[in-house]
Protein backbone atom coordinates (compact mmCIF):
# COMPACT_ATOMS: atom_id res chain seq x y z
CA MET A 1 -423.28 -56.68 -66.36
CA ASP A 2 -422.04 -59.22 -69.04
CA ASP A 3 -419.19 -61.38 -68.82
CA ASP A 4 -416.71 -59.00 -70.66
CA GLU A 5 -417.64 -56.17 -68.38
CA LYS A 6 -417.39 -58.20 -65.27
CA GLY A 7 -413.83 -59.47 -66.55
CA LYS A 8 -412.75 -55.99 -67.33
CA ARG A 9 -414.00 -54.82 -63.70
CA PHE A 10 -412.43 -57.74 -62.07
CA LEU A 11 -409.03 -56.83 -63.49
CA GLU A 12 -409.40 -53.20 -62.51
CA LEU A 13 -410.30 -54.36 -59.07
CA ILE A 14 -407.29 -56.77 -58.81
CA ASP A 15 -404.91 -54.00 -59.85
CA GLU A 16 -406.41 -51.60 -57.38
CA GLN A 17 -406.27 -54.22 -54.62
CA ASN A 18 -402.53 -55.01 -55.46
CA ASN A 19 -401.74 -51.31 -55.31
CA LEU A 20 -403.57 -51.02 -51.92
CA GLN A 21 -401.71 -54.05 -50.56
CA TRP A 22 -398.31 -52.34 -51.41
CA SER A 23 -399.44 -49.16 -49.82
CA ILE A 24 -400.57 -51.22 -46.70
CA ILE A 25 -397.24 -52.66 -46.45
CA SER A 26 -395.42 -49.34 -46.76
CA LYS A 27 -397.51 -47.76 -44.16
CA LEU A 28 -397.18 -50.72 -41.83
CA SER A 29 -393.45 -50.70 -42.21
CA SER A 30 -393.37 -46.98 -41.24
CA LEU A 31 -395.47 -47.60 -38.47
CA ILE A 32 -393.34 -50.32 -36.99
CA VAL A 33 -390.18 -47.93 -37.64
CA SER A 34 -392.21 -45.36 -35.47
CA LYS A 35 -392.52 -47.92 -32.69
CA TRP A 36 -396.34 -47.67 -33.35
CA GLY A 37 -396.31 -44.25 -32.19
CA SER A 38 -397.75 -42.29 -35.22
CA ILE A 39 -401.63 -41.64 -35.07
CA GLU A 40 -401.51 -40.46 -38.61
CA LEU A 41 -399.97 -43.59 -39.93
CA GLN A 42 -402.55 -45.66 -37.94
CA GLN A 43 -405.41 -43.62 -39.55
CA GLN A 44 -403.88 -43.98 -42.81
CA LEU A 45 -403.41 -47.74 -42.62
CA GLU A 46 -406.95 -48.19 -41.23
CA THR A 47 -408.25 -46.23 -44.29
CA LEU A 48 -406.40 -48.46 -46.62
CA VAL A 49 -407.52 -51.53 -44.98
CA GLU A 50 -411.15 -50.52 -45.29
CA LYS A 51 -410.78 -49.80 -48.99
CA HIS A 52 -409.08 -53.18 -49.47
CA SER A 53 -412.01 -54.89 -47.79
CA THR A 54 -414.33 -53.02 -49.90
CA ILE A 55 -412.58 -54.04 -53.02
CA THR A 56 -412.59 -57.72 -51.87
CA LYS A 57 -416.43 -57.75 -51.22
CA GLU A 58 -416.92 -56.35 -54.76
CA LEU A 59 -414.61 -58.94 -56.20
CA ASN A 60 -416.71 -61.72 -54.42
CA SER A 61 -419.80 -60.29 -55.51
CA LEU A 62 -418.70 -60.29 -59.26
CA ASP A 63 -417.97 -63.93 -58.98
CA LYS A 64 -421.16 -65.02 -57.20
CA ASN A 65 -421.81 -67.70 -59.95
CA ASN A 66 -418.08 -68.63 -60.60
CA ASN A 67 -418.20 -67.00 -64.05
CA ILE A 68 -414.83 -65.22 -63.83
CA LEU A 69 -412.59 -67.57 -62.17
């Protein structure tokens, strides 16, 4: 993957990660309001956190040689 492709992918991942972060905050807020009683919200939050972790790992792998930042 050349630097332009890496840069484009980096920006796509950052955008996706940002959207996930807002979704995580929303689900977490709803879970707090439910007094942590919603299994469905807990599962949705777990899935979002896993996706966020996957994106973070991919972002880190794109920048192994510090070419992007």
